[in-house]
Amino acid sequence: MGIRQRADFHQLSVIFTKYQKGVYYLSIKVFNVLPSYINIQSDHLKIFKLILQKLLYENSFNSVN
């Protein structure tokens, strides 16, 4: 098992669509697809938040019409 998989959260396999559309299930899914350099910082909440905010800001596409 590599470093990438060790940092991921385990997702329960469920068949209920209501649960799959819930915040808890989707947040695990989103966390698992973050770049590994962000996942590694998840133990340090302040650093994790700063890096995640920077990533989201740099990759957001805002347009003013």
PDB file of N, CA and C in Angstrom:
ATOM      1  N   MET A   1       0.845  -1.172   0.000  1.00  0.00           N
ATOM      2  CA  MET A   1       0.000   0.000   0.000  1.00  0.00           C
ATOM      3  C   MET A   1       0.891   1.236   0.000  1.00  0.00           C
ATOM      4  N   GLY A   2       0.689   2.113  -0.979  1.00  0.00           N
ATOM      5  CA  GLY A   2       1.502   3.313  -1.095  1.00  0.00           C
ATOM      6  C   GLY A   2       1.037   4.415  -0.160  1.00  0.00           C
ATOM      7  N   ILE A   3       1.777   5.477  -0.176  1.00  0.00           N
ATOM      8  CA  ILE A   3       1.454   6.614   0.683  1.00  0.00           C
ATOM      9  C   ILE A   3       0.088   7.192   0.313  1.00  0.00           C
ATOM     10  N   ARG A   4      -0.209   7.240  -0.953  1.00  0.00           N
ATOM     11  CA  ARG A   4      -1.470   7.831  -1.409  1.00  0.00           C
ATOM     12  C   ARG A   4      -2.676   7.107  -0.799  1.00  0.00           C
ATOM     13  N   GLN A   5      -2.693   5.796  -0.832  1.00  0.00           N
ATOM     14  CA  GLN A   5      -3.821   5.048  -0.316  1.00  0.00           C
ATOM     15  C   GLN A   5      -3.894   5.099   1.204  1.00  0.00           C
ATOM     16  N   ARG A   6      -2.771   5.240   1.869  1.00  0.00           N
ATOM     17  CA  ARG A   6      -2.755   5.281   3.314  1.00  0.00           C
ATOM     18  C   ARG A   6      -3.422   6.550   3.835  1.00  0.00           C
ATOM     19  N   ALA A   7      -3.316   7.643   3.078  1.00  0.00           N
ATOM     20  CA  ALA A   7      -3.891   8.920   3.498  1.00  0.00           C
ATOM     21  C   ALA A   7      -5.386   9.000   3.192  1.00  0.00           C
ATOM     22  N   ASP A   8      -5.893   8.130   2.334  1.00  0.00           N
ATOM     23  CA  ASP A   8      -7.302   8.167   1.955  1.00  0.00           C
ATOM     24  C   ASP A   8      -8.192   7.621   3.058  1.00  0.00           C
ATOM     25  N   PHE A   9      -9.412   8.137   3.085  1.00  0.00           N
ATOM     26  CA  PHE A   9     -10.429   7.608   3.987  1.00  0.00           C
ATOM     27  C   PHE A   9     -11.158   6.478   3.292  1.00  0.00           C
ATOM     28  N   HIS A  10     -11.633   5.538   4.069  1.00  0.00           N
ATOM     29  CA  HIS A  10     -12.379   4.409   3.525  1.00  0.00           C
ATOM     30  C   HIS A  10     -13.813   4.842   3.284  1.00  0.00           C
ATOM     31  N   GLN A  11     -14.311   4.558   2.095  1.00  0.00           N
ATOM     32  CA  GLN A  11     -15.685   4.878   1.751  1.00  0.00           C
ATOM     33  C   GLN A  11     -16.532   3.629   1.873  1.00  0.00           C
ATOM     34  N   LEU A  12     -17.614   3.744   2.606  1.00  0.00           N
ATOM     35  CA  LEU A  12     -18.515   2.612   2.737  1.00  0.00           C
ATOM     36  C   LEU A  12     -19.219   2.371   1.412  1.00  0.00           C
ATOM     37  N   SER A  13     -19.409   1.110   1.083  1.00  0.00           N
ATOM     38  CA  SER A  13     -20.157   0.811  -0.126  1.00  0.00           C
ATOM     39  C   SER A  13     -21.629   0.665   0.272  1.00  0.00           C
ATOM     40  N   VAL A  14     -22.415   1.611  -0.178  1.00  0.00           N
ATOM     41  CA  VAL A  14     -23.841   1.632   0.149  1.00  0.00           C
ATOM     42  C   VAL A  14     -24.644   1.733  -1.135  1.00  0.00           C
ATOM     43  N   ILE A  15     -25.880   1.290  -1.053  1.00  0.00           N
ATOM     44  CA  ILE A  15     -26.742   1.342  -2.230  1.00  0.00           C
ATOM     45  C   ILE A  15     -27.823   2.407  -2.108  1.00  0.00           C
ATOM     46  N   PHE A  16     -27.873   3.084  -0.973  1.00  0.00           N
ATOM     47  CA  PHE A  16     -28.891   4.104  -0.770  1.00  0.00           C
ATOM     48  C   PHE A  16     -28.437   5.426  -1.373  1.00  0.00           C
ATOM     49  N   THR A  17     -29.185   5.897  -2.357  1.00  0.00           N
ATOM     50  CA  THR A  17     -28.833   7.132  -3.050  1.00  0.00           C
ATOM     51  C   THR A  17     -28.867   8.323  -2.104  1.00  0.00           C
ATOM     52  N   LYS A  18     -29.780   8.323  -1.167  1.00  0.00           N
ATOM     53  CA  LYS A  18     -29.896   9.442  -0.224  1.00  0.00           C
ATOM     54  C   LYS A  18     -28.607   9.582   0.583  1.00  0.00           C
ATOM     55  N   TYR A  19     -28.034   8.471   1.007  1.00  0.00           N
ATOM     56  CA  TYR A  19     -26.782   8.501   1.765  1.00  0.00           C
ATOM     57  C   TYR A  19     -25.617   8.938   0.875  1.00  0.00           C
ATOM     58  N   GLN A  20     -25.600   8.470  -0.369  1.00  0.00           N
ATOM     59  CA  GLN A  20     -24.515   8.801  -1.290  1.00  0.00           C
ATOM     60  C   GLN A  20     -24.516  10.282  -1.652  1.00  0.00           C
ATOM     61  N   LYS A  21     -25.652  10.946  -1.557  1.00  0.00           N
ATOM     62  CA  LYS A  21     -25.736  12.372  -1.864  1.00  0.00           C
ATOM     63  C   LYS A  21     -25.544  13.227  -0.618  1.00  0.00           C
ATOM     64  N   GLY A  22     -25.300  12.599   0.522  1.00  0.00           N
ATOM     65  CA  GLY A  22     -25.132  13.321   1.770  1.00  0.00           C
ATOM     66  C   GLY A  22     -23.748  13.934   1.906  1.00  0.00           C
ATOM     67  N   VAL A  23     -23.633  14.852   2.848  1.00  0.00           N
ATOM     68  CA  VAL A  23     -22.391  15.586   3.066  1.00  0.00           C
ATOM     69  C   VAL A  23     -21.262  14.668   3.498  1.00  0.00           C
ATOM     70  N   TYR A  24     -21.525  13.744   4.404  1.00  0.00           N
ATOM     71  CA  TYR A  24     -20.473  12.868   4.920  1.00  0.00           C
ATOM     72  C   TYR A  24     -19.866  12.023   3.805  1.00  0.00           C
ATOM     73  N   TYR A  25     -20.692  11.394   3.004  1.00  0.00           N
ATOM     74  CA  TYR A  25     -20.218  10.515   1.936  1.00  0.00           C
ATOM     75  C   TYR A  25     -19.457  11.308   0.872  1.00  0.00           C
ATOM     76  N   LEU A  26     -20.004  12.459   0.479  1.00  0.00           N
ATOM     77  CA  LEU A  26     -19.367  13.268  -0.558  1.00  0.00           C
ATOM     78  C   LEU A  26     -18.073  13.915  -0.074  1.00  0.00           C
ATOM     79  N   SER A  27     -18.012  14.283   1.215  1.00  0.00           N
ATOM     80  CA  SER A  27     -16.779  14.893   1.719  1.00  0.00           C
ATOM     81  C   SER A  27     -15.625  13.896   1.707  1.00  0.00           C
ATOM     82  N   ILE A  28     -15.900  12.632   1.982  1.00  0.00           N
ATOM     83  CA  ILE A  28     -14.869  11.597   1.901  1.00  0.00           C
ATOM     84  C   ILE A  28     -14.414  11.430   0.456  1.00  0.00           C
ATOM     85  N   LYS A  29     -15.360  11.457  -0.443  1.00  0.00           N
ATOM     86  CA  LYS A  29     -15.051  11.310  -1.865  1.00  0.00           C
ATOM     87  C   LYS A  29     -14.167  12.463  -2.354  1.00  0.00           C
ATOM     88  N   VAL A  30     -14.494  13.682  -1.953  1.00  0.00           N
ATOM     89  CA  VAL A  30     -13.715  14.853  -2.350  1.00  0.00           C
ATOM     90  C   VAL A  30     -12.325  14.801  -1.721  1.00  0.00           C
ATOM     91  N   PHE A  31     -12.242  14.456  -0.441  1.00  0.00           N
ATOM     92  CA  PHE A  31     -10.952  14.385   0.240  1.00  0.00           C
ATOM     93  C   PHE A  31     -10.023  13.383  -0.441  1.00  0.00           C
ATOM     94  N   ASN A  32     -10.557  12.265  -0.859  1.00  0.00           N
ATOM     95  CA  ASN A  32      -9.741  11.222  -1.470  1.00  0.00           C
ATOM     96  C   ASN A  32      -9.182  11.594  -2.838  1.00  0.00           C
ATOM     97  N   VAL A  33      -9.774  12.575  -3.510  1.00  0.00           N
ATOM     98  CA  VAL A  33      -9.250  12.971  -4.821  1.00  0.00           C
ATOM     99  C   VAL A  33      -8.355  14.210  -4.750  1.00  0.00           C
ATOM    100  N   LEU A  34      -8.159  14.760  -3.550  1.00  0.00           N
ATOM    101  CA  LEU A  34      -7.237  15.882  -3.395  1.00  0.00           C
ATOM    102  C   LEU A  34      -5.808  15.418  -3.679  1.00  0.00           C
ATOM    103  N   PRO A  35      -4.956  16.314  -4.143  1.00  0.00           N
ATOM    104  CA  PRO A  35      -3.551  15.953  -4.349  1.00  0.00           C
ATOM    105  C   PRO A  35      -2.920  15.470  -3.041  1.00  0.00           C
ATOM    106  N   SER A  36      -1.968  14.578  -3.149  1.00  0.00           N
ATOM    107  CA  SER A  36      -1.375  13.956  -1.961  1.00  0.00           C
ATOM    108  C   SER A  36      -0.679  14.954  -1.044  1.00  0.00           C
ATOM    109  N   TYR A  37      -0.115  16.040  -1.612  1.00  0.00           N
ATOM    110  CA  TYR A  37       0.562  17.017  -0.759  1.00  0.00           C
ATOM    111  C   TYR A  37      -0.430  17.733   0.168  1.00  0.00           C
ATOM    112  N   ILE A  38      -1.701  17.748  -0.182  1.00  0.00           N
ATOM    113  CA  ILE A  38      -2.720  18.328   0.694  1.00  0.00           C
ATOM    114  C   ILE A  38      -3.188  17.286   1.712  1.00  0.00           C
ATOM    115  N   ASN A  39      -3.405  16.065   1.272  1.00  0.00           N
ATOM    116  CA  ASN A  39      -3.845  15.000   2.187  1.00  0.00           C
ATOM    117  C   ASN A  39      -2.861  14.774   3.317  1.00  0.00           C
ATOM    118  N   ILE A  40      -1.588  14.872   3.025  1.00  0.00           N
ATOM    119  CA  ILE A  40      -0.561  14.649   4.044  1.00  0.00           C
ATOM    120  C   ILE A  40      -0.678  15.678   5.159  1.00  0.00           C
ATOM    121  N   GLN A  41      -1.113  16.883   4.831  1.00  0.00           N
ATOM    122  CA  GLN A  41      -1.233  17.960   5.825  1.00  0.00           C
ATOM    123  C   GLN A  41      -2.524  17.888   6.631  1.00  0.00           C
ATOM    124  N   SER A  42      -3.332  16.860   6.444  1.00  0.00           N
ATOM    125  CA  SER A  42      -4.621  16.792   7.132  1.00  0.00           C
ATOM    126  C   SER A  42      -4.484  16.660   8.644  1.00  0.00           C
ATOM    127  N   ASP A  43      -3.327  16.278   9.147  1.00  0.00           N
ATOM    128  CA  ASP A  43      -3.114  16.205  10.587  1.00  0.00           C
ATOM    129  C   ASP A  43      -2.962  17.594  11.202  1.00  0.00           C
ATOM    130  N   HIS A  44      -2.565  18.562  10.407  1.00  0.00           N
ATOM    131  CA  HIS A  44      -2.355  19.937  10.866  1.00  0.00           C
ATOM    132  C   HIS A  44      -3.464  20.797  10.265  1.00  0.00           C
ATOM    133  N   LEU A  45      -4.511  21.023  11.031  1.00  0.00           N
ATOM    134  CA  LEU A  45      -5.730  21.638  10.509  1.00  0.00           C
ATOM    135  C   LEU A  45      -5.505  23.022   9.904  1.00  0.00           C
ATOM    136  N   LYS A  46      -4.738  23.891  10.569  1.00  0.00           N
ATOM    137  CA  LYS A  46      -4.519  25.244  10.036  1.00  0.00           C
ATOM    138  C   LYS A  46      -3.781  25.208   8.706  1.00  0.00           C
ATOM    139  N   ILE A  47      -2.741  24.397   8.619  1.00  0.00           N
ATOM    140  CA  ILE A  47      -1.965  24.284   7.378  1.00  0.00           C
ATOM    141  C   ILE A  47      -2.828  23.674   6.279  1.00  0.00           C
ATOM    142  N   PHE A  48      -3.599  22.643   6.638  1.00  0.00           N
ATOM    143  CA  PHE A  48      -4.490  21.985   5.683  1.00  0.00           C
ATOM    144  C   PHE A  48      -5.484  22.983   5.103  1.00  0.00           C
ATOM    145  N   LYS A  49      -6.098  23.796   5.959  1.00  0.00           N
ATOM    146  CA  LYS A  49      -7.071  24.786   5.494  1.00  0.00           C
ATOM    147  C   LYS A  49      -6.428  25.804   4.562  1.00  0.00           C
ATOM    148  N   LEU A  50      -5.241  26.290   4.930  1.00  0.00           N
ATOM    149  CA  LEU A  50      -4.568  27.290   4.102  1.00  0.00           C
ATOM    150  C   LEU A  50      -4.215  26.740   2.721  1.00  0.00           C
ATOM    151  N   ILE A  51      -3.676  25.543   2.681  1.00  0.00           N
ATOM    152  CA  ILE A  51      -3.300  24.936   1.406  1.00  0.00           C
ATOM    153  C   ILE A  51      -4.533  24.657   0.552  1.00  0.00           C
ATOM    154  N   LEU A  52      -5.590  24.170   1.188  1.00  0.00           N
ATOM    155  CA  LEU A  52      -6.823  23.869   0.456  1.00  0.00           C
ATOM    156  C   LEU A  52      -7.461  25.146  -0.083  1.00  0.00           C
ATOM    157  N   GLN A  53      -7.490  26.200   0.726  1.00  0.00           N
ATOM    158  CA  GLN A  53      -8.034  27.472   0.256  1.00  0.00           C
ATOM    159  C   GLN A  53      -7.231  28.008  -0.927  1.00  0.00           C
ATOM    160  N   LYS A  54      -5.921  27.895  -0.848  1.00  0.00           N
ATOM    161  CA  LYS A  54      -5.064  28.369  -1.945  1.00  0.00           C
ATOM    162  C   LYS A  54      -5.339  27.573  -3.219  1.00  0.00           C
ATOM    163  N   LEU A  55      -5.458  26.252  -3.087  1.00  0.00           N
ATOM    164  CA  LEU A  55      -5.754  25.407  -4.249  1.00  0.00           C
ATOM    165  C   LEU A  55      -7.094  25.781  -4.872  1.00  0.00           C
ATOM    166  N   LEU A  56      -8.113  25.952  -4.047  1.00  0.00           N
ATOM    167  CA  LEU A  56      -9.437  26.288  -4.569  1.00  0.00           C
ATOM    168  C   LEU A  56      -9.454  27.666  -5.206  1.00  0.00           C
ATOM    169  N   TYR A  57      -8.748  28.620  -4.599  1.00  0.00           N
ATOM    170  CA  TYR A  57      -8.696  29.972  -5.152  1.00  0.00           C
ATOM    171  C   TYR A  57      -7.971  29.993  -6.499  1.00  0.00           C
ATOM    172  N   GLU A  58      -6.848  29.296  -6.587  1.00  0.00           N
ATOM    173  CA  GLU A  58      -6.061  29.279  -7.823  1.00  0.00           C
ATOM    174  C   GLU A  58      -6.780  28.551  -8.949  1.00  0.00           C
ATOM    175  N   ASN A  59      -7.639  27.599  -8.613  1.00  0.00           N
ATOM    176  CA  ASN A  59      -8.312  26.804  -9.639  1.00  0.00           C
ATOM    177  C   ASN A  59      -9.769  27.198  -9.869  1.00  0.00           C
ATOM    178  N   SER A  60     -10.182  28.306  -9.267  1.00  0.00           N
ATOM    179  CA  SER A  60     -11.553  28.761  -9.503  1.00  0.00           C
ATOM    180  C   SER A  60     -11.565  29.615 -10.765  1.00  0.00           C
ATOM    181  N   PHE A  61     -12.640  29.546 -11.485  1.00  0.00           N
ATOM    182  CA  PHE A  61     -12.781  30.289 -12.733  1.00  0.00           C
ATOM    183  C   PHE A  61     -13.908  31.295 -12.566  1.00  0.00           C
ATOM    184  N   ASN A  62     -13.545  32.485 -12.190  1.00  0.00           N
ATOM    185  CA  ASN A  62     -14.517  33.549 -12.011  1.00  0.00           C
ATOM    186  C   ASN A  62     -14.496  34.450 -13.231  1.00  0.00           C
ATOM    187  N   SER A  63     -15.670  34.839 -13.669  1.00  0.00           N
ATOM    188  CA  SER A  63     -15.732  35.767 -14.786  1.00  0.00           C
ATOM    189  C   SER A  63     -16.728  36.866 -14.429  1.00  0.00           C
ATOM    190  N   VAL A  64     -16.403  38.066 -14.843  1.00  0.00           N
ATOM    191  CA  VAL A  64     -17.283  39.202 -14.627  1.00  0.00           C
ATOM    192  C   VAL A  64     -17.867  39.579 -15.984  1.00  0.00           C
ATOM    193  N   ASN A  65     -19.164  39.518 -16.081  1.00  0.00           N
ATOM    194  CA  ASN A  65     -19.823  39.827 -17.363  1.00  0.00           C
ATOM    195  C   ASN A  65     -20.329  41.230 -17.367  1.00  0.00           C
TER     196      ASN A  65
END
